[in-house]
Protein backbone atom coordinates (compact mmCIF):
# COMPACT_ATOMS: atom_id res chain seq x y z
CA MET A 1 106.27 156.09 175.76
CA SER A 2 107.37 159.73 175.69
CA ARG A 3 105.50 163.00 176.17
CA VAL A 4 106.30 165.17 173.18
CA LEU A 5 105.39 168.76 172.34
CA VAL A 6 105.48 169.57 168.62
CA THR A 7 105.40 173.22 167.61
CA GLY A 8 103.82 173.71 164.20
CA ILE A 9 101.96 170.42 164.64
CA THR A 10 99.19 171.35 162.19
CA GLY A 11 101.59 171.93 159.30
CA PHE A 12 103.10 169.66 156.65
CA ALA A 13 105.98 168.18 158.65
CA GLY A 14 104.27 168.54 162.04
CA SER A 15 101.19 166.55 161.12
CA HIS A 16 103.23 163.67 159.74
CA LEU A 17 105.38 163.69 162.88
CA ALA A 18 102.23 163.62 165.02
CA GLU A 19 100.98 160.57 163.13
CA HIS A 20 104.29 158.78 163.58
CA LEU A 21 104.52 159.54 167.29
CA VAL A 22 100.94 158.44 167.89
CA SER A 23 101.58 155.20 166.00
CA ARG A 24 104.42 154.30 168.33
CA GLY A 25 102.43 155.09 171.48
CA ASP A 26 103.76 158.50 172.50
CA GLU A 27 101.65 161.12 174.27
CA VAL A 28 101.52 163.91 171.70
CA HIS A 29 100.90 167.60 172.35
CA GLY A 30 101.07 170.42 169.85
CA LEU A 31 101.33 174.20 169.80
CA ALA A 32 99.22 175.75 167.04
CA HIS A 33 98.45 179.38 166.26
CA GLU A 34 95.11 178.70 164.56
CA GLY A 35 91.91 177.21 165.89
CA PRO A 36 90.15 174.02 164.76
CA PRO A 37 89.40 172.26 162.53
CA PHE A 38 92.93 170.96 161.95
CA ALA A 39 92.64 169.37 158.52
CA ASN A 40 96.15 167.95 158.45
CA LEU A 41 95.56 166.15 161.76
CA ALA A 42 92.34 164.45 160.69
CA ALA A 43 93.80 160.95 161.16
CA VAL A 44 94.95 161.57 164.74
CA ARG A 45 92.96 164.55 165.98
CA ASP A 46 91.36 162.61 168.84
CA ARG A 47 94.77 161.39 170.02
CA VAL A 48 96.67 164.67 170.27
CA ARG A 49 96.16 167.64 172.56
CA ILE A 50 96.44 171.07 170.98
CA HIS A 51 97.62 174.09 172.95
CA GLU A 52 96.67 177.23 171.05
CA GLY A 53 99.17 180.06 171.03
CA ASP A 54 101.60 182.25 169.12
CA ILE A 55 105.09 180.80 168.82
CA THR A 56 106.57 184.29 169.25
CA ARG A 57 104.81 184.89 172.59
CA LEU A 58 106.91 183.54 175.44
CA GLU A 59 103.92 183.15 177.74
CA ASP A 60 102.11 180.99 175.14
CA VAL A 61 105.09 178.68 174.75
CA GLN A 62 105.57 178.50 178.53
CA ARG A 63 101.91 177.58 178.95
CA ALA A 64 102.18 174.79 176.33
CA LEU A 65 105.31 173.41 177.97
CA ALA A 66 103.75 173.46 181.42
CA GLY A 67 100.50 171.95 180.18
CA SER A 68 102.19 169.15 178.27
CA GLN A 69 104.92 168.39 180.80
CA ALA A 70 106.89 167.39 177.71
CA GLU A 71 110.01 165.29 177.94
CA ALA A 72 110.97 166.39 174.44
CA VAL A 73 110.13 169.36 172.20
CA VAL A 74 110.34 169.24 168.41
CA HIS A 75 110.39 172.80 167.13
CA LEU A 76 108.92 172.84 163.61
CA ALA A 77 106.86 176.03 163.67
CA GLY A 78 108.02 178.57 161.14
CA MET A 79 107.76 180.06 157.69
CA ALA A 80 109.02 177.17 155.56
CA VAL A 81 108.63 178.35 151.95
CA PRO A 82 111.70 180.33 150.80
CA THR A 83 109.78 182.45 148.27
CA GLN A 84 107.32 183.53 150.95
CA ALA A 85 110.17 184.43 153.30
CA SER A 86 111.79 186.56 150.59
CA LYS A 87 108.51 188.40 149.98
CA ASP A 88 108.06 189.17 153.69
CA PRO A 89 111.45 189.07 155.44
CA VAL A 90 110.12 190.81 158.53
CA ALA A 91 107.55 188.08 159.08
CA ALA A 92 110.16 185.40 158.35
CA VAL A 93 112.52 186.79 160.99
CA ARG A 94 109.70 187.21 163.47
CA VAL A 95 108.47 183.63 163.18
CA ASN A 96 111.68 181.73 162.43
CA VAL A 97 114.09 183.63 164.66
CA LEU A 98 111.99 185.26 167.40
CA GLY A 99 109.80 182.16 167.57
CA THR A 100 112.86 180.02 168.17
CA ALA A 101 114.07 182.49 170.81
CA ALA A 102 110.74 182.12 172.62
CA VAL A 103 111.03 178.31 172.62
CA LEU A 104 114.58 178.50 173.95
CA ALA A 105 113.63 180.97 176.67
CA ALA A 106 110.73 178.77 177.76
CA LEU A 107 113.04 175.75 177.96
CA GLU A 108 115.22 177.58 180.49
CA GLU A 109 112.65 176.53 183.08
CA HIS A 110 112.72 172.89 181.92
CA PRO A 111 116.37 171.80 181.99
CA LYS A 112 115.50 168.10 181.65
CA THR A 113 113.44 168.57 178.48
CA ARG A 114 115.15 167.58 175.24
CA LEU A 115 114.96 169.83 172.16
CA VAL A 116 115.06 168.91 168.50
CA LEU A 117 115.25 171.95 166.21
CA ALA A 118 114.29 171.78 162.54
CA SER A 119 116.85 173.72 160.54
CA SER A 120 117.43 173.19 156.80
CA ALA A 121 119.99 172.06 154.25
CA ASP A 122 119.46 175.51 152.72
CA VAL A 123 121.97 176.88 155.24
CA TYR A 124 124.78 175.48 153.04
CA GLY A 125 123.75 177.56 150.03
CA ALA A 126 125.74 176.29 147.04
CA PRO A 127 128.46 174.11 148.62
CA ASP A 128 131.82 173.68 146.94
CA ARG A 129 131.61 169.89 147.18
CA VAL A 130 128.83 167.32 147.47
CA PRO A 131 127.78 165.44 149.39
CA VAL A 132 128.20 168.13 152.02
CA ASP A 133 128.82 167.25 155.67
CA GLU A 134 128.07 169.19 158.85
CA ASP A 135 131.56 170.70 159.03
CA ALA A 136 131.10 172.62 155.79
CA PRO A 137 130.70 176.41 156.13
CA VAL A 138 127.19 177.85 155.94
CA HIS A 139 126.44 180.26 153.09
CA PRO A 140 122.76 181.22 153.31
CA GLY A 141 121.65 182.47 149.92
CA ASN A 142 118.15 183.68 150.79
CA VAL A 143 116.11 185.10 153.65
CA TYR A 144 114.76 181.72 154.69
CA ALA A 145 118.24 180.19 154.97
CA ALA A 146 119.50 183.23 156.88
CA THR A 147 116.73 182.84 159.46
CA LYS A 148 117.69 179.19 159.92
CA VAL A 149 121.35 180.10 160.49
CA ALA A 150 120.24 182.61 163.13
CA ALA A 151 117.95 180.06 164.79
CA GLU A 152 120.79 177.55 164.91
CA ALA A 153 123.11 180.09 166.55
CA LEU A 154 120.55 180.85 169.27
CA THR A 155 119.97 177.13 169.84
CA ARG A 156 123.67 176.34 170.24
CA GLU A 157 123.87 178.98 172.94
CA LEU A 158 121.23 177.07 174.92
CA ALA A 159 122.88 173.73 174.15
CA ALA A 160 126.10 174.86 175.82
CA ARG A 161 124.37 174.99 179.22
CA HIS A 162 121.13 172.99 178.94
CA GLY A 163 120.72 169.93 181.12
CA ALA A 164 119.33 167.71 178.33
CA PRO A 165 120.51 167.10 174.75
CA VAL A 166 119.76 169.82 172.20
CA VAL A 167 119.80 168.48 168.64
CA ILE A 168 119.75 170.50 165.42
CA LEU A 169 118.64 168.63 162.29
CA ARG A 170 119.29 169.92 158.78
CA PRO A 171 116.75 168.14 156.58
CA ALA A 172 116.96 167.78 152.82
CA ASN A 173 114.09 169.08 150.67
CA GLN A 174 110.97 167.19 151.67
CA ASN A 175 108.16 165.85 149.49
CA GLY A 176 104.92 164.09 150.34
CA PRO A 177 101.21 164.56 151.00
CA ARG A 178 100.10 167.96 152.36
CA GLN A 179 103.17 169.81 151.09
CA ASN A 180 102.69 173.54 150.51
CA PRO A 181 102.04 174.19 146.79
CA GLY A 182 104.61 176.98 146.96
CA LEU A 183 107.28 174.27 146.72
CA ALA A 184 108.23 172.64 143.41
CA ALA A 185 107.00 169.05 143.65
CA SER A 186 103.70 170.01 145.24
CA ALA A 187 103.20 172.86 142.75
CA PHE A 188 103.69 170.47 139.83
CA ALA A 189 101.43 167.82 141.36
CA LYS A 190 98.64 170.32 142.09
CA GLN A 191 98.65 171.59 138.51
CA ILE A 192 98.46 168.04 137.15
CA ALA A 193 95.58 167.14 139.48
CA GLU A 194 93.69 170.29 138.47
CA ALA A 195 94.19 169.46 134.80
CA GLU A 196 92.98 165.89 135.33
CA ALA A 197 89.85 167.26 137.02
CA GLY A 198 89.19 169.60 134.07
CA LEU A 199 89.79 172.69 136.19
CA ALA A 200 92.87 173.88 134.32
CA GLU A 201 94.75 173.51 131.05
CA PRO A 202 96.87 170.35 130.70
CA VAL A 203 100.00 172.40 131.34
CA VAL A 204 102.52 172.39 134.18
CA ARG A 205 104.05 175.84 134.43
CA HIS A 206 107.47 175.85 136.04
CA GLY A 207 110.57 177.86 136.81
CA ARG A 208 114.17 176.69 136.50
CA LEU A 209 114.67 172.95 136.30
CA ASP A 210 118.45 172.66 136.23
CA SER A 211 119.18 172.89 139.96
CA GLU A 212 119.71 169.63 141.85
CA ARG A 213 118.55 168.89 145.37
CA ASP A 214 118.54 166.07 147.90
CA PHE A 215 114.89 164.98 148.21
CA LEU A 216 113.46 163.11 151.20
CA ASP A 217 109.93 161.97 151.97
CA VAL A 218 108.34 163.82 154.89
CA ARG A 219 107.40 160.54 156.56
CA ASP A 220 111.03 159.45 156.59
CA MET A 221 111.85 162.83 158.12
CA ALA A 222 109.22 162.24 160.81
CA ARG A 223 111.06 159.07 161.74
CA ALA A 224 114.31 161.05 161.88
CA TYR A 225 112.87 163.57 164.34
CA ALA A 226 111.74 160.72 166.57
CA ALA A 227 115.11 158.97 166.24
CA ALA A 228 116.81 162.16 167.42
CA PHE A 229 115.17 161.72 170.85
CA GLY A 230 117.55 158.86 171.47
CA LEU A 231 120.74 160.85 170.95
CA ALA A 232 122.80 161.02 174.12
CA GLU A 233 124.43 164.36 173.40
CA SER A 234 123.83 167.65 171.66
CA GLY A 235 124.89 168.13 168.05
CA THR A 236 124.04 169.13 164.49
CA PHE A 237 123.11 166.47 161.93
CA ASN A 238 122.23 166.29 158.25
CA VAL A 239 119.20 164.19 157.28
CA GLY A 240 118.74 163.20 153.65
CA THR A 241 119.38 160.55 151.02
CA GLY A 242 122.85 161.63 149.90
CA HIS A 243 121.72 161.90 146.26
CA ALA A 244 121.29 165.04 144.16
CA VAL A 245 118.25 164.96 141.87
CA ALA A 246 117.46 167.57 139.23
CA ILE A 247 114.15 169.45 139.47
CA SER A 248 113.58 168.35 135.86
CA GLU A 249 113.50 164.73 137.04
CA ILE A 250 110.85 165.58 139.62
CA LEU A 251 108.71 167.16 136.90
CA ASP A 252 109.26 164.32 134.43
CA THR A 253 108.28 161.72 137.04
CA LEU A 254 105.06 163.52 137.92
CA ILE A 255 104.10 164.08 134.27
CA ALA A 256 104.64 160.35 133.64
CA LEU A 257 102.16 159.65 136.45
CA ALA A 258 99.48 161.92 134.98
CA ARG A 259 96.25 160.29 133.76
CA ILE A 260 96.00 162.65 130.79
CA PRO A 261 98.60 164.05 128.38
CA VAL A 262 100.27 167.03 130.07
CA ARG A 263 102.97 169.33 128.76
CA ALA A 264 105.51 171.47 130.60
CA GLU A 265 105.86 175.20 129.97
CA LEU A 266 108.39 177.69 131.34
CA ASP A 267 106.81 180.52 133.33
CA SER A 268 109.22 183.45 133.65
CA SER A 269 107.44 184.65 136.81
CA ARG A 270 108.52 181.44 138.55
CA VAL A 271 112.20 181.72 137.61
CA ARG A 272 114.43 182.58 140.58
CA ALA A 273 117.53 184.64 140.10
CA GLY A 274 120.95 183.18 140.78
CA GLU A 275 123.16 180.44 139.48
CA ARG A 276 122.31 176.77 139.22
CA THR A 277 122.99 174.98 142.51
CA ARG A 278 123.65 171.34 143.35
CA ILE A 279 123.43 169.85 146.82
CA ALA A 280 123.34 166.42 148.43
CA LEU A 281 123.82 165.71 152.11
CA ASP A 282 126.36 163.47 153.78
CA THR A 283 124.22 161.84 156.49
CA THR A 284 126.88 159.48 157.86
CA ARG A 285 126.86 160.96 161.36
CA PHE A 286 123.13 160.73 161.87
CA ARG A 287 122.89 157.23 160.44
CA GLN A 288 125.71 155.94 162.60
CA LYS A 289 124.33 157.55 165.76
CA THR A 290 120.70 156.49 165.31
CA GLY A 291 120.50 153.67 162.76
CA TRP A 292 118.03 155.75 160.75
CA SER A 293 117.87 155.45 156.96
CA PRO A 294 115.29 156.57 154.38
CA ARG A 295 112.72 153.97 153.36
CA ILE A 296 110.41 155.69 150.87
CA ALA A 297 111.59 155.91 147.25
CA LEU A 298 111.36 159.25 145.48
CA ALA A 299 108.93 157.91 142.88
CA ASP A 300 106.60 156.66 145.62
CA SER A 301 106.82 159.96 147.47
CA LEU A 302 105.89 161.88 144.32
CA ARG A 303 103.03 159.48 143.55
CA ASP A 304 101.63 160.03 147.04
CA THR A 305 101.97 163.80 146.63
CA LEU A 306 99.99 163.67 143.39
CA ASP A 307 97.36 161.39 144.92
CA PHE A 308 96.97 163.83 147.81
CA TRP A 309 96.16 166.65 145.40
CA ARG A 310 93.79 164.45 143.40
CA SER A 311 91.87 163.70 146.59
CA ALA A 312 91.92 167.30 147.83
CA ILE A 313 90.64 168.66 144.52
CA HIS A 314 87.96 165.97 144.26
CA GLN A 315 86.72 166.74 147.77
CA GLY A 316 86.78 170.46 147.03
CA ALA A 317 84.70 169.94 143.90
CA ARG A 318 82.06 168.06 145.93
CA VAL A 319 81.67 170.79 148.56
């Protein structure tokens, strides 16, 4: 059993990680900026301890570390939706970069505490070749990716002198229950669920569909964060499936799962500027070091995402 502090524990990735850690018997603590109730933690709320605080306030992070006596920290707190980061770059830098700096500064007093940092495959931008490995140059193409590159740089500075392993993970695009509807798969699923409930037209409005991404279920990513605790040395690792999937395939799969006829419609306000990009991750290093591999098929992940929105909308209608 390990004592683990998860920053951003009430969010999409953090709540799934909390569930996984609890299921394997770990003592789970979390740092959260908001007060209860913590809807995403409903399944494990009585088995995690929440330390309230602002990730950008050093004293709040220090207090959470001292209170948890954590053997490992998984730093997930941050602004995770690229479009939101582009709309408010100051906030994105404050949370993603200064928040990381606060975590790193707090860890100076805990040299035996491991750190796992959540970065992103977005740091590669549009790579020249796929699948892309960790030695490829980073080319951040948006504010969100730029904040992740900066957070990585700060983290490597600590890794060079920290007493315990410091691991940076670059996850693929994640799908699954509780995903922010500002991201493609969740946005599509939410619109379908609303249409099924009679709350909206039977239309899924979308932006560009030609880009291709590596998609991973959030629950498989939770297992990857936990697997990173076992790494004996610091390093940077990709985590994904190794396959590039077009956004159009995500939409087609979800429409096929709909309980009513639904059509797709281009919405110019959702179209992002820039050229079509294609990315898949070479995850050989992480797999060889940890034995991790993805278990949840994309179709199952999308079905669960849609079922989440069906349930959320049904419960909302009953309130």
